[in-house]
Amino acid sequence: MLAELFLTQRLGLVRLAYLLTGDQETAEDVVQDAFTALHRRWDRLSDHDRVLPYLRTSVVNGCRMIHRRRSIMSRFTGDRQTPTRSASAEAATLLGETRREVSAAVRALPRRQREAVVLRYYLGLSEAEIAETMGISRGTVKSTVFRALKALTVKLEGKR
């Protein structure tokens, strides 16, 4: 079952991690770490039907850890930019100019807003699923998404 889960969910989870970190290689590492942790805990899981929400939460938490590490590194190096690698040919093909602008605008959002928008509009999760994944209430999900969409509208309309 774990192998099937990996085959069916890995790509979506990598996409989630990429949207949260802005880096394909880091996204793949975060997802691999989440599956490795799941494998270690597989025998101790009481409800195997809740594995996908567990994986999503693990990926979001892994991305948070990456951002914390980047923040700590920037304090020592003075570099405030997120380390980026040049996009792979595959990634460059997938993202047109408009999608790149939207993706950059989403990555510029505060962490919580970015997570909520990605979970809602890129993964299509319900408010309840987002609340569970992020560990916040449904009301907080609603207000966070609202503020994020407002900020994205201002930022993207300013580019026109």
Protein backbone atom coordinates (compact mmCIF):
# COMPACT_ATOMS: atom_id res chain seq x y z
CA MET A 1 0.00 0.00 0.00
CA LEU A 2 2.86 2.39 0.77
CA ALA A 3 4.43 1.83 -2.66
CA GLU A 4 1.08 2.52 -4.34
CA LEU A 5 0.65 5.66 -2.25
CA PHE A 6 4.10 6.83 -3.32
CA LEU A 7 3.32 6.24 -7.00
CA THR A 8 -0.04 8.00 -6.89
CA GLN A 9 0.70 10.92 -4.52
CA ARG A 10 4.38 11.78 -4.91
CA LEU A 11 3.98 14.17 -7.83
CA GLY A 12 1.20 16.17 -6.15
CA LEU A 13 3.18 16.40 -2.94
CA VAL A 14 6.31 17.52 -4.82
CA ARG A 15 4.19 20.19 -6.51
CA LEU A 16 2.94 21.32 -3.10
CA ALA A 17 6.48 21.48 -1.71
CA TYR A 18 7.76 23.28 -4.82
CA LEU A 19 5.09 25.93 -4.50
CA LEU A 20 6.01 26.44 -0.84
CA THR A 21 9.80 26.41 -1.27
CA GLY A 22 10.31 27.64 -4.84
CA ASP A 23 12.99 25.02 -5.44
CA GLN A 24 12.45 21.70 -7.25
CA GLU A 25 15.33 19.80 -5.65
CA THR A 26 14.39 20.93 -2.15
CA ALA A 27 10.76 20.02 -2.83
CA GLU A 28 11.74 16.50 -3.86
CA ASP A 29 13.89 16.14 -0.74
CA VAL A 30 11.06 17.30 1.53
CA VAL A 31 8.64 14.79 -0.01
CA GLN A 32 11.19 11.99 0.18
CA ASP A 33 11.74 12.80 3.86
CA ALA A 34 7.98 12.70 4.47
CA PHE A 35 7.66 9.27 2.85
CA THR A 36 10.71 8.01 4.77
CA ALA A 37 9.18 9.16 8.07
CA LEU A 38 5.87 7.53 7.11
CA HIS A 39 7.65 4.27 6.33
CA ARG A 40 9.34 4.31 9.74
CA ARG A 41 6.00 4.87 11.49
CA TRP A 42 3.83 2.65 9.25
CA ASP A 43 3.38 -0.15 11.81
CA ARG A 44 2.41 2.33 14.54
CA LEU A 45 -0.28 4.12 12.50
CA SER A 46 -3.72 3.26 13.79
CA ASP A 47 -5.71 4.62 10.85
CA HIS A 48 -4.21 3.97 7.43
CA ASP A 49 -7.07 5.92 5.83
CA ARG A 50 -5.58 9.11 7.33
CA VAL A 51 -2.18 8.64 5.67
CA LEU A 52 -2.61 11.29 2.95
CA PRO A 53 -3.48 14.10 5.40
CA TYR A 54 -0.51 12.94 7.50
CA LEU A 55 1.77 13.19 4.46
CA ARG A 56 0.46 16.64 3.52
CA THR A 57 1.07 17.89 7.05
CA SER A 58 4.53 16.34 7.02
CA VAL A 59 5.37 18.07 3.73
CA VAL A 60 4.07 21.46 4.93
CA ASN A 61 6.06 21.10 8.15
CA GLY A 62 9.16 20.10 6.15
CA CYS A 63 8.78 23.25 4.04
CA ARG A 64 8.45 25.33 7.21
CA MET A 65 11.70 23.81 8.46
CA ILE A 66 13.41 24.73 5.17
CA HIS A 67 12.23 28.34 5.53
CA ARG A 68 13.48 28.47 9.12
CA ARG A 69 16.88 27.16 8.03
CA ARG A 70 17.04 29.69 5.20
CA SER A 71 16.15 32.46 7.63
CA ILE A 72 18.90 31.42 10.03
CA MET A 73 21.41 31.18 7.17
CA SER A 74 20.45 34.64 5.93
CA ARG A 75 21.22 36.09 9.37
CA PHE A 76 24.79 34.86 9.10
CA THR A 77 25.37 35.54 5.42
CA GLY A 78 23.34 38.75 5.13
CA ASP A 79 21.65 37.34 2.03
CA ARG A 80 17.89 37.85 2.31
CA GLN A 81 16.99 36.11 -0.93
CA THR A 82 15.78 32.55 -1.13
CA PRO A 83 18.42 30.34 -2.70
CA THR A 84 17.19 29.51 -6.17
CA ARG A 85 18.52 27.27 -8.80
CA SER A 86 17.83 27.76 -12.44
CA ALA A 87 14.60 26.08 -13.41
CA SER A 88 14.88 22.74 -15.11
CA ALA A 89 13.75 22.48 -18.71
CA GLU A 90 10.69 20.62 -17.48
CA ALA A 91 9.82 23.30 -14.93
CA ALA A 92 10.42 26.10 -17.43
CA THR A 93 8.12 24.41 -19.93
CA LEU A 94 5.40 23.97 -17.36
CA LEU A 95 5.38 27.60 -16.30
CA GLY A 96 4.44 30.23 -18.85
CA GLU A 97 5.11 33.89 -18.19
CA THR A 98 1.77 34.49 -16.45
CA ARG A 99 2.13 31.40 -14.31
CA ARG A 100 5.65 32.46 -13.36
CA GLU A 101 4.33 35.85 -12.23
CA VAL A 102 1.57 34.23 -10.18
CA SER A 103 4.00 31.69 -8.76
CA ALA A 104 6.43 34.45 -7.75
CA ALA A 105 3.60 36.45 -6.18
CA VAL A 106 2.45 33.42 -4.20
CA ARG A 107 6.01 32.73 -3.01
CA ALA A 108 6.25 36.36 -1.84
CA LEU A 109 3.25 35.94 0.48
CA PRO A 110 3.82 35.42 4.20
CA ARG A 111 4.29 31.73 5.06
CA ARG A 112 0.82 31.05 6.45
CA GLN A 113 -0.95 32.81 3.58
CA ARG A 114 1.23 31.01 1.03
CA GLU A 115 0.47 27.63 2.59
CA ALA A 116 -3.29 28.29 2.70
CA VAL A 117 -3.44 29.47 -0.93
CA VAL A 118 -1.39 26.54 -2.21
CA LEU A 119 -3.45 24.00 -0.29
CA ARG A 120 -6.74 25.58 -1.40
CA TYR A 121 -6.17 26.49 -5.03
CA TYR A 122 -3.34 24.25 -6.17
CA LEU A 123 -4.32 21.08 -4.30
CA GLY A 124 -8.04 21.84 -4.11
CA LEU A 125 -8.41 20.95 -0.44
CA SER A 126 -11.49 21.92 1.53
CA GLU A 127 -11.31 24.41 4.40
CA ALA A 128 -11.55 21.52 6.88
CA GLU A 129 -8.66 19.66 5.21
CA ILE A 130 -6.54 22.82 5.14
CA ALA A 131 -7.29 23.48 8.81
CA GLU A 132 -6.21 19.94 9.68
CA THR A 133 -3.06 20.11 7.56
CA MET A 134 -1.97 23.49 8.93
CA GLY A 135 -3.16 22.91 12.49
CA ILE A 136 -5.44 25.97 12.55
CA SER A 137 -9.21 26.57 12.74
CA ARG A 138 -11.51 26.76 9.70
CA GLY A 139 -12.22 30.42 10.47
CA THR A 140 -8.51 31.16 10.40
CA VAL A 141 -8.27 29.37 7.05
CA LYS A 142 -11.04 31.57 5.62
CA SER A 143 -9.52 34.84 6.83
CA THR A 144 -6.00 33.81 5.81
CA VAL A 145 -7.08 32.90 2.28
CA PHE A 146 -9.07 36.13 2.00
CA ARG A 147 -6.06 38.24 3.00
CA ALA A 148 -3.79 36.28 0.68
CA LEU A 149 -6.10 36.75 -2.31
CA LYS A 150 -6.37 40.45 -1.56
CA ALA A 151 -2.57 40.77 -1.46
CA LEU A 152 -2.20 38.76 -4.68
CA THR A 153 -4.76 40.94 -6.44
CA VAL A 154 -2.93 44.12 -5.44
CA LYS A 155 0.47 42.71 -6.44
CA LEU A 156 -0.61 41.21 -9.77
CA GLU A 157 -2.79 44.15 -10.85
CA GLY A 158 0.15 46.44 -10.14
CA LYS A 159 2.14 44.59 -12.83
CA ARG A 160 -0.34 45.44 -15.57
